[in-house]
Amino acid sequence: MQQYMRQAATSSHILNGLTFYLPPHATDPYFTDVVGNVSTSHFRPGRQPSATSRMPVPAALEMSPRYPLLGGWTYNFTLGYNLPLATSLRVGRDGKHVLAVPFFTPVKDVAIDQVETRISLPEGATCV
């Protein structure tokens, strides 16, 4: 799953980093900007509910843009990650497969002007 976002820091503050909370089963995250791979990131895998904790813990991707963003600046980037099919796909009562995935990863206290979401389905799959 990939999320392409056009993001702007809209206040007079400086934005040095962002934290994205991803689904608990998210793996292989990547973060790129127009120039290429941004290496200043840290990924913390999530956890599913257990016997001691009933709440899942989301995965977290902390990243820093190439340069601090000042209020009103725009920063274009791509955030992507993989999800196991078993956590997102179920068979409905009518026998059709239903894919349920988050279409957007919200970012706290940041204005987002435009989001483009792309999902790659296996060959032969159709959307209804």
C-alpha atoms as a PDB file:
ATOM      1  CA  MET A   1       0.000   0.000   0.000  1.00  0.00           C
ATOM      2  CA  GLN A   2       1.354   3.415  -0.854  1.00  0.00           C
ATOM      3  CA  GLN A   3       0.251   6.820   0.210  1.00  0.00           C
ATOM      4  CA  TYR A   4       1.400   9.845  -1.724  1.00  0.00           C
ATOM      5  CA  MET A   5       0.925  13.048   0.182  1.00  0.00           C
ATOM      6  CA  ARG A   6       1.529  16.681  -0.530  1.00  0.00           C
ATOM      7  CA  GLN A   7       2.178  18.074   2.878  1.00  0.00           C
ATOM      8  CA  ALA A   8       2.645  21.601   4.103  1.00  0.00           C
ATOM      9  CA  ALA A   9       3.742  22.983   7.429  1.00  0.00           C
ATOM     10  CA  THR A  10       1.153  25.732   7.819  1.00  0.00           C
ATOM     11  CA  SER A  11       2.055  27.409  11.080  1.00  0.00           C
ATOM     12  CA  SER A  12       4.981  29.658  11.898  1.00  0.00           C
ATOM     13  CA  HIS A  13       6.672  26.746  13.647  1.00  0.00           C
ATOM     14  CA  ILE A  14       9.492  24.616  12.337  1.00  0.00           C
ATOM     15  CA  LEU A  15       8.696  20.991  11.494  1.00  0.00           C
ATOM     16  CA  ASN A  16      11.724  18.754  12.076  1.00  0.00           C
ATOM     17  CA  GLY A  17      10.039  15.358  11.978  1.00  0.00           C
ATOM     18  CA  LEU A  18       6.827  13.407  11.587  1.00  0.00           C
ATOM     19  CA  THR A  19       5.469  10.247  13.181  1.00  0.00           C
ATOM     20  CA  PHE A  20       3.108   8.016  11.223  1.00  0.00           C
ATOM     21  CA  TYR A  21       1.045   5.444  13.102  1.00  0.00           C
ATOM     22  CA  LEU A  22       0.485   2.448  10.839  1.00  0.00           C
ATOM     23  CA  PRO A  23      -1.649  -0.684  11.259  1.00  0.00           C
ATOM     24  CA  PRO A  24      -0.198  -3.156  13.800  1.00  0.00           C
ATOM     25  CA  HIS A  25       0.706  -5.711  11.095  1.00  0.00           C
ATOM     26  CA  ALA A  26       2.523  -3.183   8.867  1.00  0.00           C
ATOM     27  CA  THR A  27       5.961  -4.300   7.656  1.00  0.00           C
ATOM     28  CA  ASP A  28       8.668  -3.061   5.285  1.00  0.00           C
ATOM     29  CA  PRO A  29       7.860   0.648   5.524  1.00  0.00           C
ATOM     30  CA  TYR A  30       9.555   3.104   3.206  1.00  0.00           C
ATOM     31  CA  PHE A  31       9.618   6.839   2.960  1.00  0.00           C
ATOM     32  CA  THR A  32      10.860   8.671  -0.113  1.00  0.00           C
ATOM     33  CA  ASP A  33      10.794  12.203  -1.370  1.00  0.00           C
ATOM     34  CA  VAL A  34      11.442  13.653  -4.821  1.00  0.00           C
ATOM     35  CA  VAL A  35      15.221  13.160  -4.497  1.00  0.00           C
ATOM     36  CA  GLY A  36      15.044   9.531  -3.301  1.00  0.00           C
ATOM     37  CA  ASN A  37      15.072   7.401  -0.166  1.00  0.00           C
ATOM     38  CA  VAL A  38      15.077   9.328   3.097  1.00  0.00           C
ATOM     39  CA  SER A  39      17.378   7.459   5.473  1.00  0.00           C
ATOM     40  CA  THR A  40      16.564   9.424   8.613  1.00  0.00           C
ATOM     41  CA  SER A  41      13.717   7.249   9.848  1.00  0.00           C
ATOM     42  CA  HIS A  42      13.022   4.746  12.594  1.00  0.00           C
ATOM     43  CA  PHE A  43      10.377   1.986  12.491  1.00  0.00           C
ATOM     44  CA  ARG A  44       8.803   0.428  15.578  1.00  0.00           C
ATOM     45  CA  PRO A  45       6.713  -2.666  14.763  1.00  0.00           C
ATOM     46  CA  GLY A  46       3.217  -2.892  16.218  1.00  0.00           C
ATOM     47  CA  ARG A  47       1.745  -5.615  18.420  1.00  0.00           C
ATOM     48  CA  GLN A  48      -1.546  -7.457  18.280  1.00  0.00           C
ATOM     49  CA  PRO A  49      -3.774  -7.946  21.322  1.00  0.00           C
ATOM     50  CA  SER A  50      -2.484 -10.547  23.764  1.00  0.00           C
ATOM     51  CA  ALA A  51      -3.692 -12.233  26.939  1.00  0.00           C
ATOM     52  CA  THR A  52      -2.369  -9.331  29.034  1.00  0.00           C
ATOM     53  CA  SER A  53      -3.280  -6.469  26.700  1.00  0.00           C
ATOM     54  CA  ARG A  54      -6.550  -6.345  24.780  1.00  0.00           C
ATOM     55  CA  MET A  55      -5.639  -3.292  22.711  1.00  0.00           C
ATOM     56  CA  PRO A  56      -3.422  -3.572  19.626  1.00  0.00           C
ATOM     57  CA  VAL A  57      -0.366  -1.324  19.489  1.00  0.00           C
ATOM     58  CA  PRO A  58       0.050   0.422  16.134  1.00  0.00           C
ATOM     59  CA  ALA A  59       3.354   0.343  14.297  1.00  0.00           C
ATOM     60  CA  ALA A  60       5.119   3.698  14.204  1.00  0.00           C
ATOM     61  CA  LEU A  61       7.364   5.231  11.554  1.00  0.00           C
ATOM     62  CA  GLU A  62       9.304   8.270  12.734  1.00  0.00           C
ATOM     63  CA  MET A  63      10.977  10.266   9.983  1.00  0.00           C
ATOM     64  CA  SER A  64      12.750  13.523   9.391  1.00  0.00           C
ATOM     65  CA  PRO A  65      12.559  15.449   6.131  1.00  0.00           C
ATOM     66  CA  ARG A  66      15.829  16.393   4.407  1.00  0.00           C
ATOM     67  CA  TYR A  67      15.581  19.897   5.832  1.00  0.00           C
ATOM     68  CA  PRO A  68      13.435  21.514   8.554  1.00  0.00           C
ATOM     69  CA  LEU A  69      10.147  22.787   7.135  1.00  0.00           C
ATOM     70  CA  LEU A  70       9.052  26.305   7.953  1.00  0.00           C
ATOM     71  CA  GLY A  71       5.442  27.454   8.063  1.00  0.00           C
ATOM     72  CA  GLY A  72       3.887  27.561   4.600  1.00  0.00           C
ATOM     73  CA  TRP A  73       6.549  25.377   2.947  1.00  0.00           C
ATOM     74  CA  THR A  74       5.444  22.366   0.936  1.00  0.00           C
ATOM     75  CA  TYR A  75       7.086  18.936   1.138  1.00  0.00           C
ATOM     76  CA  ASN A  76       6.082  16.161  -1.277  1.00  0.00           C
ATOM     77  CA  PHE A  77       6.780  12.588  -0.214  1.00  0.00           C
ATOM     78  CA  THR A  78       5.696   8.965  -0.522  1.00  0.00           C
ATOM     79  CA  LEU A  79       4.974   6.699   2.424  1.00  0.00           C
ATOM     80  CA  GLY A  80       4.478   2.987   1.800  1.00  0.00           C
ATOM     81  CA  TYR A  81       4.286  -0.279   3.717  1.00  0.00           C
ATOM     82  CA  ASN A  82       3.087  -3.853   3.323  1.00  0.00           C
ATOM     83  CA  LEU A  83       0.187  -5.539   5.093  1.00  0.00           C
ATOM     84  CA  PRO A  84      -0.375  -9.305   5.279  1.00  0.00           C
ATOM     85  CA  LEU A  85      -3.404 -10.246   3.213  1.00  0.00           C
ATOM     86  CA  ALA A  86      -4.809 -12.358   6.055  1.00  0.00           C
ATOM     87  CA  THR A  87      -5.233  -9.254   8.229  1.00  0.00           C
ATOM     88  CA  SER A  88      -7.113  -7.290   5.569  1.00  0.00           C
ATOM     89  CA  LEU A  89      -9.164  -9.755   3.532  1.00  0.00           C
ATOM     90  CA  ARG A  90     -12.305 -11.640   4.496  1.00  0.00           C
ATOM     91  CA  VAL A  91     -15.054 -13.512   2.686  1.00  0.00           C
ATOM     92  CA  GLY A  92     -18.477 -11.906   2.976  1.00  0.00           C
ATOM     93  CA  ARG A  93     -21.824 -13.668   3.391  1.00  0.00           C
ATOM     94  CA  ASP A  94     -22.365 -13.518  -0.361  1.00  0.00           C
ATOM     95  CA  GLY A  95     -19.062 -15.335  -0.980  1.00  0.00           C
ATOM     96  CA  LYS A  96     -17.294 -12.250  -2.315  1.00  0.00           C
ATOM     97  CA  HIS A  97     -13.915 -11.269  -0.960  1.00  0.00           C
ATOM     98  CA  VAL A  98     -13.851  -7.984   0.942  1.00  0.00           C
ATOM     99  CA  LEU A  99     -10.613  -6.034   1.355  1.00  0.00           C
ATOM    100  CA  ALA A 100     -10.564  -3.641   4.318  1.00  0.00           C
ATOM    101  CA  VAL A 101      -7.461  -1.455   4.568  1.00  0.00           C
ATOM    102  CA  PRO A 102      -6.861   2.028   5.945  1.00  0.00           C
ATOM    103  CA  PHE A 103      -6.772   4.488   3.048  1.00  0.00           C
ATOM    104  CA  PHE A 104      -5.042   7.280   4.898  1.00  0.00           C
ATOM    105  CA  THR A 105      -2.461   7.604   7.656  1.00  0.00           C
ATOM    106  CA  PRO A 106      -3.324  10.773   9.587  1.00  0.00           C
ATOM    107  CA  VAL A 107      -0.560  13.051  10.800  1.00  0.00           C
ATOM    108  CA  LYS A 108      -1.239  14.961  14.001  1.00  0.00           C
ATOM    109  CA  ASP A 109      -1.179  18.785  13.832  1.00  0.00           C
ATOM    110  CA  VAL A 110      -0.223  18.964  10.141  1.00  0.00           C
ATOM    111  CA  ALA A 111      -2.307  20.377   7.292  1.00  0.00           C
ATOM    112  CA  ILE A 112      -2.500  18.125   4.247  1.00  0.00           C
ATOM    113  CA  ASP A 113      -3.643  19.637   0.964  1.00  0.00           C
ATOM    114  CA  GLN A 114      -3.770  16.587  -1.288  1.00  0.00           C
ATOM    115  CA  VAL A 115      -3.581  12.799  -0.818  1.00  0.00           C
ATOM    116  CA  GLU A 116      -3.332  10.147  -3.518  1.00  0.00           C
ATOM    117  CA  THR A 117      -3.771   6.509  -2.462  1.00  0.00           C
ATOM    118  CA  ARG A 118      -2.768   3.530  -4.625  1.00  0.00           C
ATOM    119  CA  ILE A 119      -3.483  -0.104  -3.852  1.00  0.00           C
ATOM    120  CA  SER A 120      -1.974  -2.886  -5.948  1.00  0.00           C
ATOM    121  CA  LEU A 121      -4.189  -5.947  -6.270  1.00  0.00           C
ATOM    122  CA  PRO A 122      -3.023  -9.324  -7.599  1.00  0.00           C
ATOM    123  CA  GLU A 123      -3.487 -10.096 -11.271  1.00  0.00           C
ATOM    124  CA  GLY A 124      -7.056 -11.138 -12.008  1.00  0.00           C
ATOM    125  CA  ALA A 125      -8.560  -9.308  -9.011  1.00  0.00           C
ATOM    126  CA  THR A 126     -11.379  -6.858  -9.691  1.00  0.00           C
ATOM    127  CA  CYS A 127     -12.976  -4.047  -7.754  1.00  0.00           C
ATOM    128  CA  VAL A 128     -16.753  -4.016  -7.435  1.00  0.00           C
END
